[in-house]
Structure formats: C-alpha cells, structure tokens
Amino acid sequence: MDGVIADTAPYHFKAWQGVFRKQGIDFTEADFRRNFGQRNDTIIRKTLGKDTSPAEIEAIATEKEENFRQSVKNSVKPLPGAVKLLKSLKEYGFSVALTSSAPIANIQLVTRELDIENCFQVVISGREVTEGKPSPQGFLLAAEKLGIKPQNCVVIEDAIAGVRAAKRAGMHCLAVTNTNPEISLAEANLVVDTLERVTAADLEGLVNLS
C-alpha cells in the first residue's frame, strides 16, 4: 500500500521523526528509506536497540500511527498509475490482495480516501502475521486466502525488504522505484519507474515466464 498505491511516505517519515525525537534519536531520511515497508516493532528495535521492552514498542508504535493518521487524513494521494492499474486488474479477472505491514486502521483510511476498497478480495495487515518483511509470511497468507499457488502470484513492491519477501515466497515480483533506486531492487523480475505504463497483460506475462 504505502509506496506502491499511496504517496504516504512523507507523512510516515514525519511521524517517525516525531516519536524518535522524543527518544533523543535523529531519525534521518536515509534511516527511513532503509526501513520503509518493515513492521513497526522491527523499525523500533533497529533504532532503539534490541532490549527495548514490548510495552515501550507498543506505546511508540501506537503514537506514531495515531500521528500518521491525523496528518494524512484528507491528504492521501495515489501514486502515478496505481489506481488505474488496480481497477484494470479487477476488470481483467485477476484476484487481488493488499498485503501491508500497516495496521488495519491505516489500511481502511487509505483505501477509503482513494475509493479502492472494492479492488481487493483479500486484505492482510501487519497484525495478521508474526514476522514482517523480508519474511514471506504476509504474501504467503494472502496467496492462501486467495486460493492461488505462490508461483502464480505477482507482487508489486517498492521496498527492498518487500522484494526479498516476494522472492522468498516463490512469487514473481515487479518493483517500482517510488522509494528506492533500481539497483537496490535488482532481485525483482522487472523494475519500472512508474506504474503508469504497466498493464494487466504485463503482469500475466511475468507469470507465464515461469
């Protein structure tokens, strides 16, 4: 969702900076890009240390997400080509899942504001798995709920950890350079600079290559 469908990165960055500033940490844009797409608990442990207590992690994550939702409300914008592609996939007959590390409240807010709630047969939030990306758990759960074999799935990702998770799941991956440069996404089967020129037939072609 974040970084592929919705242009929410600036709001997430601002929210992370705010909560980490209270901890005396200067969370830079490089830190943000390196961790984008990963679960909150993973980001917090990487930034504050492995000994950070579960209670502290929960409190920081809750504050961060509340700040994010407050700042992004009524301001969500789609990334180029994303909504058009989603709607074409539905018309083409693809089964589509939204798999995100975000909490369900974020997913509901973003999909409602972009009017894409009916584009997905399955929605997986970060709470539904025990491991975040680069673990393949989220993608495998989505495939299971869709009733589709992993080798017949295409993941669209912008995050390095997300591309790695897709490949570990045994899925094809199209990466878009919304967050990271092409060289960082080289594990993907195909890397594009925008979804504006990507079609349902292109994704079907990736599956048929196997």
Protein backbone atom coordinates (compact mmCIF):
# COMPACT_ATOMS: atom_id res chain seq x y z
CA MET A 1 0.00 0.00 0.00
CA ASP A 2 2.45 2.65 1.21
CA GLY A 3 4.90 3.50 -1.55
CA VAL A 4 3.11 1.49 -4.24
CA ILE A 5 -0.50 2.68 -4.18
CA ALA A 6 -0.45 5.69 -1.87
CA ASP A 7 2.04 8.54 -1.66
CA THR A 8 2.23 8.42 2.14
CA ALA A 9 5.99 8.28 2.69
CA PRO A 10 6.38 11.95 3.77
CA TYR A 11 3.70 11.51 6.43
CA HIS A 12 5.26 8.31 7.76
CA PHE A 13 8.69 9.96 7.85
CA LYS A 14 7.36 12.94 9.80
CA ALA A 15 5.56 10.64 12.26
CA TRP A 16 8.68 8.52 12.83
CA GLN A 17 10.85 11.59 13.29
CA GLY A 18 8.46 12.89 15.93
CA VAL A 19 8.38 9.79 18.11
CA PHE A 20 12.12 9.13 17.84
CA ARG A 21 12.95 12.75 18.61
CA LYS A 22 11.31 12.20 21.99
CA GLN A 23 13.80 9.33 22.49
CA GLY A 24 16.75 11.59 21.62
CA ILE A 25 17.23 9.95 18.22
CA ASP A 26 17.75 11.83 14.97
CA PHE A 27 15.87 9.61 12.50
CA THR A 28 17.20 10.60 9.09
CA GLU A 29 15.67 10.20 5.65
CA ALA A 30 18.28 7.52 4.92
CA ASP A 31 17.14 5.63 8.04
CA PHE A 32 13.55 5.94 6.88
CA ARG A 33 14.18 4.69 3.35
CA ARG A 34 16.25 1.77 4.62
CA ASN A 35 13.42 0.64 6.90
CA PHE A 36 10.38 1.57 4.81
CA GLY A 37 7.96 -1.33 4.39
CA GLN A 38 9.04 -3.14 7.54
CA ARG A 39 6.93 -3.69 10.64
CA ASN A 40 6.88 -1.06 13.36
CA ASP A 41 8.39 -3.35 16.00
CA THR A 42 11.30 -4.14 13.67
CA ILE A 43 11.96 -0.46 12.94
CA ILE A 44 11.79 0.48 16.62
CA ARG A 45 14.17 -2.29 17.72
CA LYS A 46 16.64 -1.40 14.97
CA THR A 47 16.57 2.24 16.04
CA LEU A 48 16.38 1.99 19.84
CA GLY A 49 18.06 -1.37 20.40
CA LYS A 50 17.06 -4.99 20.81
CA ASP A 51 16.47 -4.57 24.54
CA THR A 52 13.54 -2.18 24.02
CA SER A 53 10.62 -3.60 26.00
CA PRO A 54 7.42 -4.81 24.32
CA ALA A 55 5.42 -2.21 26.27
CA GLU A 56 7.66 0.61 25.05
CA ILE A 57 7.49 -0.67 21.48
CA GLU A 58 3.70 -0.79 21.63
CA ALA A 59 3.47 2.73 23.04
CA ILE A 60 5.83 4.23 20.45
CA ALA A 61 4.14 2.39 17.56
CA THR A 62 0.67 3.46 18.71
CA GLU A 63 1.71 7.11 18.99
CA LYS A 64 3.44 7.01 15.62
CA GLU A 65 0.42 5.57 13.82
CA GLU A 66 -2.02 7.96 15.51
CA ASN A 67 0.17 10.88 14.42
CA PHE A 68 0.37 9.46 10.90
CA ARG A 69 -3.40 9.06 10.53
CA GLN A 70 -4.06 12.53 11.90
CA SER A 71 -1.64 14.16 9.45
CA VAL A 72 -2.58 12.13 6.36
CA LYS A 73 -6.38 12.31 6.74
CA ASN A 74 -7.94 14.12 3.77
CA SER A 75 -4.48 14.35 2.19
CA VAL A 76 -3.96 10.87 0.71
CA LYS A 77 -2.82 10.95 -2.90
CA PRO A 78 -2.34 7.94 -5.18
CA LEU A 79 0.99 7.29 -6.82
CA PRO A 80 1.03 7.58 -10.63
CA GLY A 81 -0.81 4.76 -12.39
CA ALA A 82 -1.62 2.78 -9.24
CA VAL A 83 -5.40 3.20 -9.06
CA LYS A 84 -5.86 2.78 -12.82
CA LEU A 85 -3.84 -0.45 -12.72
CA LEU A 86 -5.81 -1.77 -9.73
CA LYS A 87 -9.11 -1.20 -11.47
CA SER A 88 -7.85 -2.77 -14.70
CA LEU A 89 -6.69 -5.86 -12.79
CA LYS A 90 -10.20 -6.32 -11.44
CA GLU A 91 -11.70 -5.98 -14.92
CA TYR A 92 -9.07 -8.37 -16.35
CA GLY A 93 -10.07 -11.06 -13.86
CA PHE A 94 -7.08 -11.00 -11.53
CA SER A 95 -7.59 -11.91 -7.90
CA VAL A 96 -6.02 -9.08 -5.91
CA ALA A 97 -4.79 -8.93 -2.34
CA LEU A 98 -3.49 -5.95 -0.41
CA THR A 99 -0.67 -7.03 1.89
CA SER A 100 0.73 -4.34 4.15
CA SER A 101 2.84 -4.03 7.27
CA ALA A 102 0.48 -1.25 8.33
CA PRO A 103 -2.23 -1.60 10.98
CA ILE A 104 -5.76 -2.17 9.71
CA ALA A 105 -6.83 1.36 10.71
CA ASN A 106 -4.27 2.82 8.27
CA ILE A 107 -5.38 0.47 5.51
CA GLN A 108 -9.02 1.37 5.98
CA LEU A 109 -8.22 5.10 5.97
CA VAL A 110 -6.09 5.00 2.82
CA THR A 111 -8.32 2.67 0.79
CA ARG A 112 -11.42 4.68 1.75
CA GLU A 113 -9.87 8.00 0.78
CA LEU A 114 -8.68 6.61 -2.56
CA ASP A 115 -12.04 4.84 -3.15
CA ILE A 116 -10.35 1.49 -3.81
CA GLU A 117 -11.90 -0.62 -1.04
CA ASN A 118 -13.67 -2.85 -3.56
CA CYS A 119 -10.50 -3.59 -5.54
CA PHE A 120 -9.29 -6.30 -3.15
CA GLN A 121 -10.60 -9.78 -2.45
CA VAL A 122 -8.21 -10.12 0.50
CA VAL A 123 -6.56 -7.61 2.85
CA ILE A 124 -3.66 -8.62 5.11
CA SER A 125 -2.48 -6.21 7.81
CA GLY A 126 0.70 -6.33 9.85
CA ARG A 127 -1.09 -7.83 12.85
CA GLU A 128 -2.06 -10.99 10.96
CA VAL A 129 1.48 -12.35 10.77
CA THR A 130 4.20 -12.90 13.33
CA GLU A 131 7.07 -11.82 11.07
CA GLY A 132 7.41 -8.76 8.85
CA LYS A 133 9.24 -8.39 5.57
CA PRO A 134 11.64 -9.74 4.40
CA SER A 135 9.79 -12.75 5.81
CA PRO A 136 7.37 -14.09 3.18
CA GLN A 137 4.60 -14.74 5.74
CA GLY A 138 2.31 -11.91 4.65
CA PHE A 139 2.47 -12.76 0.95
CA LEU A 140 2.02 -16.48 1.58
CA LEU A 141 -1.01 -15.82 3.76
CA ALA A 142 -2.50 -13.62 1.04
CA ALA A 143 -2.00 -16.35 -1.58
CA GLU A 144 -3.55 -18.93 0.75
CA LYS A 145 -6.62 -16.76 1.34
CA LEU A 146 -6.95 -16.09 -2.39
CA GLY A 147 -6.63 -19.81 -3.09
CA ILE A 148 -3.76 -19.24 -5.52
CA LYS A 149 -0.39 -21.01 -5.65
CA PRO A 150 2.61 -18.74 -4.89
CA GLN A 151 4.18 -19.40 -8.29
CA ASN A 152 1.07 -17.95 -9.91
CA CYS A 153 1.30 -14.68 -7.96
CA VAL A 154 2.91 -11.36 -8.84
CA VAL A 155 3.87 -8.98 -6.03
CA ILE A 156 4.17 -5.26 -6.76
CA GLU A 157 6.68 -3.70 -4.35
CA ASP A 158 8.73 -0.57 -3.74
CA ALA A 159 10.67 -1.70 -0.68
CA ILE A 160 13.90 -3.70 -0.67
CA ALA A 161 12.59 -5.93 2.12
CA GLY A 162 9.34 -6.38 0.20
CA VAL A 163 11.09 -7.56 -2.96
CA ARG A 164 13.10 -10.03 -0.89
CA ALA A 165 9.93 -11.28 0.81
CA ALA A 166 8.23 -11.81 -2.55
CA LYS A 167 11.14 -13.88 -3.87
CA ARG A 168 11.32 -15.90 -0.64
CA ALA A 169 7.62 -16.64 -1.09
CA GLY A 170 8.37 -18.12 -4.51
CA MET A 171 6.44 -15.36 -6.25
CA HIS A 172 7.20 -13.14 -9.21
CA CYS A 173 7.92 -9.51 -8.38
CA LEU A 174 7.51 -6.21 -10.19
CA ALA A 175 9.30 -3.40 -8.37
CA VAL A 176 8.62 0.30 -8.82
CA THR A 177 11.26 2.91 -7.98
CA ASN A 178 8.97 5.14 -5.89
CA THR A 179 11.11 4.72 -2.77
CA ASN A 180 14.38 3.08 -3.78
CA PRO A 181 16.66 3.23 -6.85
CA GLU A 182 16.60 0.48 -9.47
CA ILE A 183 19.90 -1.02 -8.34
CA SER A 184 18.52 -1.66 -4.85
CA LEU A 185 15.54 -3.55 -6.30
CA ALA A 186 17.55 -5.79 -8.63
CA GLU A 187 16.14 -9.02 -7.11
CA ALA A 188 12.79 -8.27 -8.74
CA ASN A 189 11.85 -9.89 -12.04
CA LEU A 190 11.09 -6.49 -13.51
CA VAL A 191 11.82 -2.94 -12.28
CA VAL A 192 9.88 0.08 -13.56
CA ASP A 193 9.99 3.79 -12.76
CA THR A 194 6.21 4.17 -12.74
CA LEU A 195 3.07 2.04 -12.84
CA GLU A 196 1.56 4.35 -15.44
CA ARG A 197 2.62 2.12 -18.32
CA VAL A 198 2.19 -1.24 -16.57
CA THR A 199 -0.81 -3.30 -17.73
CA ALA A 200 -2.59 -6.42 -16.52
CA ALA A 201 -1.13 -8.20 -19.55
CA ASP A 202 2.39 -7.28 -18.37
CA LEU A 203 1.74 -8.97 -15.03
CA GLU A 204 0.25 -12.01 -16.72
CA GLY A 205 3.40 -12.16 -18.85
CA LEU A 206 5.58 -12.35 -15.73
CA VAL A 207 3.62 -15.39 -14.51
CA ASN A 208 3.78 -17.07 -17.90
CA LEU A 209 7.57 -16.77 -17.99
CA SER A 210 7.85 -19.48 -15.30
